[in-house]
């Protein structure tokens, strides 16, 4: 009986460990050095706040530009699988929006693919720069 209880306790601990590991794919800081953009996301707890823009409250995440306060806010997300999530984004002015997918290629590489809506534009050297429809991001 004692061995059986020990087996149950260990099995439960191992199972909880696996369940917690599954919730890390879309909790990350991802960046792209070519365009100086990054994604700060937590699609599970949806508790990300944008520095200097706390007015938005807690969110699934945002796409930011390094050395700039401009961002695209992730207003909602749906984790489709451990490798794919669908996102709804708006710019921080609220004037443009789009649907996108974020796909995990492996543990360190993600692909953001823009779908329906406005293209993502970010400030760059005093002008607006459109990001490509598909962009690779690395996990830090």
N, C-alpha and C. Protein backbone atom coordinates (compact mmCIF):
# COMPACT_ATOMS: atom_id res chain seq x y z
N UNK A 1 0.83 -1.20 0.00
CA UNK A 1 0.00 0.00 0.00
C UNK A 1 0.87 1.26 0.00
N UNK A 2 1.94 1.24 0.79
CA UNK A 2 2.83 2.40 0.88
C UNK A 2 3.48 2.67 -0.47
N UNK A 3 3.91 1.61 -1.17
CA UNK A 3 4.51 1.77 -2.49
C UNK A 3 3.51 2.31 -3.50
N UNK A 4 2.28 1.88 -3.39
CA UNK A 4 1.24 2.36 -4.29
C UNK A 4 1.02 3.86 -4.10
N UNK A 5 0.94 4.32 -2.85
CA UNK A 5 0.77 5.75 -2.57
C UNK A 5 1.97 6.56 -3.06
N UNK A 6 3.16 6.03 -2.87
CA UNK A 6 4.36 6.70 -3.35
C UNK A 6 4.33 6.81 -4.87
N UNK A 7 3.91 5.75 -5.54
CA UNK A 7 3.79 5.76 -7.00
C UNK A 7 2.80 6.84 -7.45
N UNK A 8 1.66 6.95 -6.80
CA UNK A 8 0.63 7.94 -7.15
C UNK A 8 1.18 9.35 -6.95
N UNK A 9 1.85 9.60 -5.83
CA UNK A 9 2.42 10.93 -5.58
C UNK A 9 3.47 11.30 -6.62
N UNK A 10 4.35 10.39 -6.94
CA UNK A 10 5.38 10.67 -7.94
C UNK A 10 4.78 10.87 -9.33
N UNK A 11 3.80 10.08 -9.68
CA UNK A 11 3.14 10.22 -10.98
C UNK A 11 2.47 11.58 -11.10
N UNK A 12 1.81 12.02 -10.04
CA UNK A 12 1.15 13.33 -10.04
C UNK A 12 2.17 14.44 -10.20
N UNK A 13 3.29 14.36 -9.49
CA UNK A 13 4.34 15.38 -9.57
C UNK A 13 4.92 15.44 -10.98
N UNK A 14 5.17 14.30 -11.57
CA UNK A 14 5.71 14.26 -12.93
C UNK A 14 4.70 14.83 -13.91
N UNK A 15 3.44 14.45 -13.78
CA UNK A 15 2.40 14.96 -14.67
C UNK A 15 2.27 16.47 -14.57
N UNK A 16 2.30 17.03 -13.36
CA UNK A 16 2.23 18.48 -13.20
C UNK A 16 3.43 19.15 -13.83
N UNK A 17 4.58 18.54 -13.74
CA UNK A 17 5.79 19.09 -14.37
C UNK A 17 5.64 19.18 -15.88
N UNK A 18 5.09 18.13 -16.50
CA UNK A 18 4.87 18.16 -17.94
C UNK A 18 3.83 19.20 -18.32
N UNK A 19 2.79 19.32 -17.55
CA UNK A 19 1.74 20.30 -17.84
C UNK A 19 2.28 21.71 -17.76
N UNK A 20 3.15 21.99 -16.79
CA UNK A 20 3.72 23.33 -16.68
C UNK A 20 4.66 23.63 -17.84
N UNK A 21 5.40 22.63 -18.31
CA UNK A 21 6.31 22.85 -19.42
C UNK A 21 5.56 23.23 -20.69
N UNK A 22 4.36 22.71 -20.88
CA UNK A 22 3.58 23.01 -22.08
C UNK A 22 3.20 24.48 -22.16
N UNK A 23 3.14 25.19 -21.04
CA UNK A 23 2.73 26.58 -21.00
C UNK A 23 3.89 27.56 -21.14
N UNK A 24 4.96 27.18 -21.83
CA UNK A 24 6.08 28.09 -22.00
C UNK A 24 6.29 28.51 -23.44
N UNK A 25 5.68 27.83 -24.39
CA UNK A 25 5.91 28.15 -25.80
C UNK A 25 5.51 29.58 -26.14
N UNK A 26 4.43 30.06 -25.59
CA UNK A 26 3.95 31.41 -25.90
C UNK A 26 4.00 32.32 -24.67
N UNK A 27 5.02 32.14 -23.88
CA UNK A 27 5.38 33.05 -22.78
C UNK A 27 6.85 33.36 -23.03
N UNK A 28 7.13 34.51 -23.68
CA UNK A 28 8.50 34.73 -24.13
C UNK A 28 8.77 36.19 -24.48
N UNK A 29 10.06 36.46 -24.65
CA UNK A 29 10.54 37.71 -25.26
C UNK A 29 11.21 37.29 -26.56
N UNK A 30 10.68 37.75 -27.69
CA UNK A 30 11.18 37.40 -29.01
C UNK A 30 11.65 38.67 -29.71
N UNK A 31 12.73 38.57 -30.47
CA UNK A 31 13.25 39.77 -31.11
C UNK A 31 13.73 39.50 -32.53
N UNK A 32 13.80 40.59 -33.32
CA UNK A 32 14.35 40.55 -34.66
C UNK A 32 15.29 41.75 -34.78
N UNK A 33 16.58 41.48 -34.89
CA UNK A 33 17.58 42.55 -34.95
C UNK A 33 17.56 43.32 -36.25
N UNK A 34 17.16 42.68 -37.35
CA UNK A 34 17.16 43.36 -38.64
C UNK A 34 16.21 44.56 -38.64
N UNK A 35 15.04 44.42 -38.02
CA UNK A 35 14.05 45.50 -37.99
C UNK A 35 13.95 46.16 -36.62
N UNK A 36 14.78 45.73 -35.66
CA UNK A 36 14.78 46.28 -34.29
C UNK A 36 13.40 46.22 -33.64
N UNK A 37 12.70 45.11 -33.83
CA UNK A 37 11.39 44.92 -33.21
C UNK A 37 11.44 43.70 -32.29
N UNK A 38 10.51 43.67 -31.36
CA UNK A 38 10.44 42.55 -30.43
C UNK A 38 8.98 42.29 -30.05
N UNK A 39 8.72 41.07 -29.62
CA UNK A 39 7.42 40.68 -29.08
C UNK A 39 7.62 40.30 -27.62
N UNK A 40 6.85 40.88 -26.74
CA UNK A 40 6.79 40.46 -25.35
C UNK A 40 5.41 39.86 -25.17
N UNK A 41 5.35 38.55 -24.88
CA UNK A 41 4.07 37.85 -24.87
C UNK A 41 3.92 36.92 -23.66
N UNK A 42 2.69 36.76 -23.25
CA UNK A 42 2.29 35.71 -22.32
C UNK A 42 0.83 35.41 -22.66
N UNK A 43 0.64 34.46 -23.56
CA UNK A 43 -0.70 34.13 -24.04
C UNK A 43 -1.49 33.31 -23.04
N UNK A 44 -0.85 32.80 -22.00
CA UNK A 44 -1.53 31.96 -21.02
C UNK A 44 -2.16 32.79 -19.90
N UNK A 45 -1.36 33.61 -19.23
CA UNK A 45 -1.87 34.43 -18.13
C UNK A 45 -2.39 35.79 -18.62
N UNK A 46 -1.97 36.21 -19.81
CA UNK A 46 -2.35 37.49 -20.40
C UNK A 46 -2.17 38.63 -19.40
N UNK A 47 -0.95 38.72 -18.85
CA UNK A 47 -0.66 39.69 -17.80
C UNK A 47 0.47 40.65 -18.16
N UNK A 48 0.68 40.87 -19.45
CA UNK A 48 1.75 41.76 -19.90
C UNK A 48 1.25 43.20 -19.89
N UNK A 49 2.03 44.11 -19.31
CA UNK A 49 1.72 45.54 -19.38
C UNK A 49 2.76 46.22 -20.24
N UNK A 50 2.34 47.24 -20.95
CA UNK A 50 3.24 47.98 -21.84
C UNK A 50 3.85 49.13 -21.03
N UNK A 51 5.18 49.18 -20.90
CA UNK A 51 5.81 50.25 -20.12
C UNK A 51 5.43 51.63 -20.67
N UNK A 52 4.99 52.50 -19.77
CA UNK A 52 4.59 53.84 -20.16
C UNK A 52 3.18 53.91 -20.73
N UNK A 53 2.55 52.77 -20.92
CA UNK A 53 1.19 52.73 -21.48
C UNK A 53 0.32 51.79 -20.64
N UNK A 54 0.46 51.89 -19.33
CA UNK A 54 -0.28 51.03 -18.41
C UNK A 54 -1.79 51.21 -18.52
N UNK A 55 -2.20 52.29 -19.19
CA UNK A 55 -3.62 52.56 -19.40
C UNK A 55 -4.33 51.38 -20.07
N UNK A 56 -3.62 50.64 -20.91
CA UNK A 56 -4.21 49.48 -21.59
C UNK A 56 -4.47 48.32 -20.63
N UNK A 57 -3.82 48.31 -19.48
CA UNK A 57 -4.00 47.22 -18.52
C UNK A 57 -3.20 46.00 -18.92
N UNK A 58 -3.59 44.85 -18.40
CA UNK A 58 -2.90 43.59 -18.69
C UNK A 58 -3.41 43.01 -20.00
N UNK A 59 -2.45 42.56 -20.82
CA UNK A 59 -2.75 42.10 -22.17
C UNK A 59 -2.00 40.80 -22.47
N UNK A 60 -2.33 40.14 -23.59
CA UNK A 60 -1.55 38.96 -24.01
C UNK A 60 -0.13 39.32 -24.43
N UNK A 61 0.09 40.58 -24.83
CA UNK A 61 1.43 41.01 -25.22
C UNK A 61 1.40 42.18 -26.17
N UNK A 62 2.57 42.50 -26.74
CA UNK A 62 2.68 43.59 -27.69
C UNK A 62 3.93 43.44 -28.54
N UNK A 63 3.91 44.09 -29.70
CA UNK A 63 5.07 44.18 -30.56
C UNK A 63 5.63 45.57 -30.40
N UNK A 64 6.88 45.67 -30.00
CA UNK A 64 7.50 46.97 -29.76
C UNK A 64 8.68 47.20 -30.68
N UNK A 65 9.10 48.45 -30.71
CA UNK A 65 10.26 48.87 -31.50
C UNK A 65 11.33 49.30 -30.51
N UNK A 66 12.55 48.77 -30.68
CA UNK A 66 13.64 49.12 -29.78
C UNK A 66 13.89 50.63 -29.81
N UNK A 67 14.16 51.21 -28.65
CA UNK A 67 14.45 52.64 -28.49
C UNK A 67 13.30 53.53 -28.95
N UNK A 68 12.06 53.06 -28.79
CA UNK A 68 10.90 53.81 -29.21
C UNK A 68 9.71 53.35 -28.38
N UNK A 69 8.77 54.24 -28.10
CA UNK A 69 7.61 53.86 -27.30
C UNK A 69 6.45 53.34 -28.15
N UNK A 70 6.57 53.42 -29.48
CA UNK A 70 5.52 52.94 -30.36
C UNK A 70 5.34 51.44 -30.23
N UNK A 71 4.11 50.96 -30.34
CA UNK A 71 3.89 49.52 -30.28
C UNK A 71 2.60 49.13 -31.00
N UNK A 72 2.51 47.84 -31.27
CA UNK A 72 1.28 47.21 -31.73
C UNK A 72 0.79 46.36 -30.56
N UNK A 73 -0.43 46.57 -30.13
CA UNK A 73 -1.00 45.91 -28.96
C UNK A 73 -1.70 44.62 -29.40
N UNK A 74 -1.39 43.52 -28.74
CA UNK A 74 -2.11 42.27 -28.98
C UNK A 74 -3.36 42.31 -28.11
N UNK A 75 -4.50 42.49 -28.74
CA UNK A 75 -5.74 42.65 -27.98
C UNK A 75 -6.35 41.31 -27.60
N UNK A 76 -6.13 40.29 -28.43
CA UNK A 76 -6.63 38.95 -28.10
C UNK A 76 -5.77 37.93 -28.83
N UNK A 77 -5.81 36.72 -28.32
CA UNK A 77 -5.04 35.63 -28.93
C UNK A 77 -5.74 34.31 -28.65
N UNK A 78 -5.44 33.35 -29.50
CA UNK A 78 -5.95 32.01 -29.30
C UNK A 78 -4.81 31.05 -29.61
N UNK A 79 -4.41 30.27 -28.62
CA UNK A 79 -3.37 29.27 -28.82
C UNK A 79 -4.03 28.07 -29.49
N UNK A 80 -3.68 27.84 -30.75
CA UNK A 80 -4.26 26.76 -31.54
C UNK A 80 -3.64 25.41 -31.18
N UNK A 81 -2.32 25.42 -30.96
CA UNK A 81 -1.59 24.22 -30.61
C UNK A 81 -0.32 24.66 -29.89
N UNK A 82 0.54 23.73 -29.54
CA UNK A 82 1.79 24.12 -28.87
C UNK A 82 2.75 24.81 -29.83
N UNK A 83 2.39 24.87 -31.12
CA UNK A 83 3.26 25.50 -32.11
C UNK A 83 2.62 26.69 -32.83
N UNK A 84 1.34 26.96 -32.61
CA UNK A 84 0.69 28.02 -33.39
C UNK A 84 -0.34 28.77 -32.56
N UNK A 85 -0.34 30.10 -32.74
CA UNK A 85 -1.33 30.96 -32.09
C UNK A 85 -1.82 31.99 -33.10
N UNK A 86 -3.09 32.38 -32.97
CA UNK A 86 -3.68 33.43 -33.80
C UNK A 86 -3.83 34.68 -32.95
N UNK A 87 -3.47 35.83 -33.52
CA UNK A 87 -3.46 37.09 -32.77
C UNK A 87 -4.31 38.15 -33.44
N UNK A 88 -4.88 39.03 -32.64
CA UNK A 88 -5.52 40.25 -33.11
C UNK A 88 -4.68 41.40 -32.57
N UNK A 89 -4.25 42.31 -33.46
CA UNK A 89 -3.40 43.43 -33.05
C UNK A 89 -4.00 44.75 -33.50
N UNK A 90 -3.73 45.81 -32.72
CA UNK A 90 -4.03 47.18 -33.13
C UNK A 90 -2.79 48.02 -32.85
N UNK A 91 -2.62 49.10 -33.61
CA UNK A 91 -1.51 49.99 -33.28
C UNK A 91 -1.91 50.81 -32.06
N UNK A 92 -0.94 51.44 -31.43
CA UNK A 92 -1.25 52.12 -30.17
C UNK A 92 -2.08 53.39 -30.35
N UNK A 93 -2.33 53.79 -31.58
CA UNK A 93 -3.28 54.89 -31.83
C UNK A 93 -4.70 54.35 -31.96
N UNK A 94 -4.84 53.05 -32.22
CA UNK A 94 -6.15 52.43 -32.43
C UNK A 94 -6.69 52.64 -33.83
N UNK A 95 -5.85 53.14 -34.74
CA UNK A 95 -6.33 53.46 -36.08
C UNK A 95 -6.14 52.33 -37.09
N UNK A 96 -5.31 51.34 -36.76
CA UNK A 96 -5.07 50.24 -37.69
C UNK A 96 -5.11 48.93 -36.92
N UNK A 97 -5.55 47.87 -37.59
CA UNK A 97 -5.62 46.56 -36.93
C UNK A 97 -5.32 45.45 -37.94
N UNK A 98 -5.03 44.28 -37.42
CA UNK A 98 -4.79 43.13 -38.29
C UNK A 98 -4.89 41.84 -37.50
N UNK A 99 -5.01 40.76 -38.24
CA UNK A 99 -4.94 39.41 -37.71
C UNK A 99 -3.59 38.84 -38.13
N UNK A 100 -2.95 38.09 -37.25
CA UNK A 100 -1.66 37.48 -37.56
C UNK A 100 -1.57 36.11 -36.90
N UNK A 101 -0.60 35.34 -37.33
CA UNK A 101 -0.30 34.07 -36.68
C UNK A 101 1.13 34.09 -36.20
N UNK A 102 1.36 33.45 -35.09
CA UNK A 102 2.70 33.28 -34.55
C UNK A 102 2.94 31.77 -34.46
N UNK A 103 3.96 31.31 -35.18
CA UNK A 103 4.25 29.88 -35.25
C UNK A 103 5.64 29.62 -34.70
N UNK A 104 5.73 28.61 -33.86
CA UNK A 104 7.03 28.22 -33.29
C UNK A 104 7.65 27.16 -34.20
N UNK A 105 8.79 27.51 -34.81
CA UNK A 105 9.50 26.55 -35.66
C UNK A 105 10.27 25.55 -34.81
N UNK A 106 10.93 26.06 -33.77
CA UNK A 106 11.66 25.22 -32.82
C UNK A 106 11.75 25.99 -31.50
N UNK A 107 12.60 25.56 -30.59
CA UNK A 107 12.65 26.20 -29.28
C UNK A 107 13.10 27.65 -29.31
N UNK A 108 13.80 28.08 -30.36
CA UNK A 108 14.33 29.43 -30.35
C UNK A 108 13.88 30.30 -31.53
N UNK A 109 13.22 29.75 -32.53
CA UNK A 109 12.80 30.51 -33.71
C UNK A 109 11.28 30.49 -33.85
N UNK A 110 10.71 31.69 -34.00
CA UNK A 110 9.27 31.87 -34.21
C UNK A 110 9.07 32.66 -35.50
N UNK A 111 7.91 32.47 -36.12
CA UNK A 111 7.58 33.20 -37.34
C UNK A 111 6.26 33.94 -37.12
N UNK A 112 6.30 35.26 -37.32
CA UNK A 112 5.10 36.09 -37.26
C UNK A 112 4.65 36.33 -38.70
N UNK A 113 3.41 35.93 -39.00
CA UNK A 113 2.88 36.07 -40.35
C UNK A 113 1.63 36.95 -40.28
N UNK A 114 1.70 38.08 -41.00
CA UNK A 114 0.56 39.00 -41.04
C UNK A 114 -0.53 38.44 -41.93
N UNK A 115 -1.76 38.62 -41.50
CA UNK A 115 -2.91 38.15 -42.28
C UNK A 115 -3.75 39.32 -42.72
N UNK A 116 -5.06 39.19 -42.50
CA UNK A 116 -6.01 40.23 -42.91
C UNK A 116 -5.82 41.50 -42.11
N UNK A 117 -6.00 42.63 -42.78
CA UNK A 117 -5.94 43.92 -42.11
C UNK A 117 -4.79 44.77 -42.62
N UNK A 118 -4.50 45.81 -41.85
CA UNK A 118 -3.44 46.74 -42.20
C UNK A 118 -2.06 46.11 -42.00
N UNK A 119 -1.09 46.48 -42.84
CA UNK A 119 0.27 45.97 -42.62
C UNK A 119 0.89 46.62 -41.38
N UNK A 120 1.78 45.90 -40.73
CA UNK A 120 2.47 46.45 -39.57
C UNK A 120 3.50 47.46 -40.05
N UNK A 121 3.38 48.68 -39.55
CA UNK A 121 4.36 49.73 -39.84
C UNK A 121 4.94 50.20 -38.51
N UNK A 122 6.26 50.42 -38.50
CA UNK A 122 6.94 50.88 -37.30
C UNK A 122 7.81 52.09 -37.66
N UNK A 123 8.02 52.99 -36.70
CA UNK A 123 8.88 54.14 -36.99
C UNK A 123 10.33 53.71 -37.18
N UNK A 124 10.99 54.33 -38.17
CA UNK A 124 12.39 54.05 -38.42
C UNK A 124 13.04 55.28 -39.06
N UNK A 125 13.91 55.93 -38.30
CA UNK A 125 14.65 57.10 -38.80
C UNK A 125 13.71 58.19 -39.32
N UNK A 126 12.66 58.47 -38.57
CA UNK A 126 11.74 59.54 -38.91
C UNK A 126 10.69 59.20 -39.96
N UNK A 127 10.67 57.95 -40.42
CA UNK A 127 9.69 57.52 -41.42
C UNK A 127 9.00 56.26 -40.93
N UNK A 128 7.92 55.89 -41.64
CA UNK A 128 7.24 54.64 -41.34
C UNK A 128 7.82 53.54 -42.20
N UNK A 129 8.16 52.43 -41.59
CA UNK A 129 8.71 51.28 -42.29
C UNK A 129 7.73 50.12 -42.18
N UNK A 130 7.31 49.57 -43.34
CA UNK A 130 6.45 48.39 -43.33
C UNK A 130 7.31 47.17 -43.05
N UNK A 131 6.82 46.34 -42.16
CA UNK A 131 7.49 45.06 -41.92
C UNK A 131 7.04 44.08 -42.99
N UNK A 132 7.91 43.14 -43.36
CA UNK A 132 7.49 42.12 -44.33
C UNK A 132 6.30 41.32 -43.79
N UNK A 133 5.55 40.72 -44.67
CA UNK A 133 4.38 39.91 -44.26
C UNK A 133 4.80 38.78 -43.32
N UNK A 134 6.01 38.26 -43.50
CA UNK A 134 6.53 37.18 -42.67
C UNK A 134 7.86 37.62 -42.09
N UNK A 135 8.00 37.48 -40.77
CA UNK A 135 9.23 37.89 -40.11
C UNK A 135 9.63 36.83 -39.07
N UNK A 136 10.91 36.52 -39.03
CA UNK A 136 11.42 35.56 -38.05
C UNK A 136 11.87 36.29 -36.80
N UNK A 137 11.56 35.71 -35.65
CA UNK A 137 11.96 36.27 -34.36
C UNK A 137 12.68 35.19 -33.58
N UNK A 138 13.68 35.61 -32.81
CA UNK A 138 14.44 34.68 -31.99
C UNK A 138 14.05 34.84 -30.54
N UNK A 139 14.02 33.74 -29.83
CA UNK A 139 13.69 33.75 -28.42
C UNK A 139 14.95 34.09 -27.62
N UNK A 140 14.78 34.96 -26.65
CA UNK A 140 15.90 35.29 -25.77
C UNK A 140 15.79 34.51 -24.52
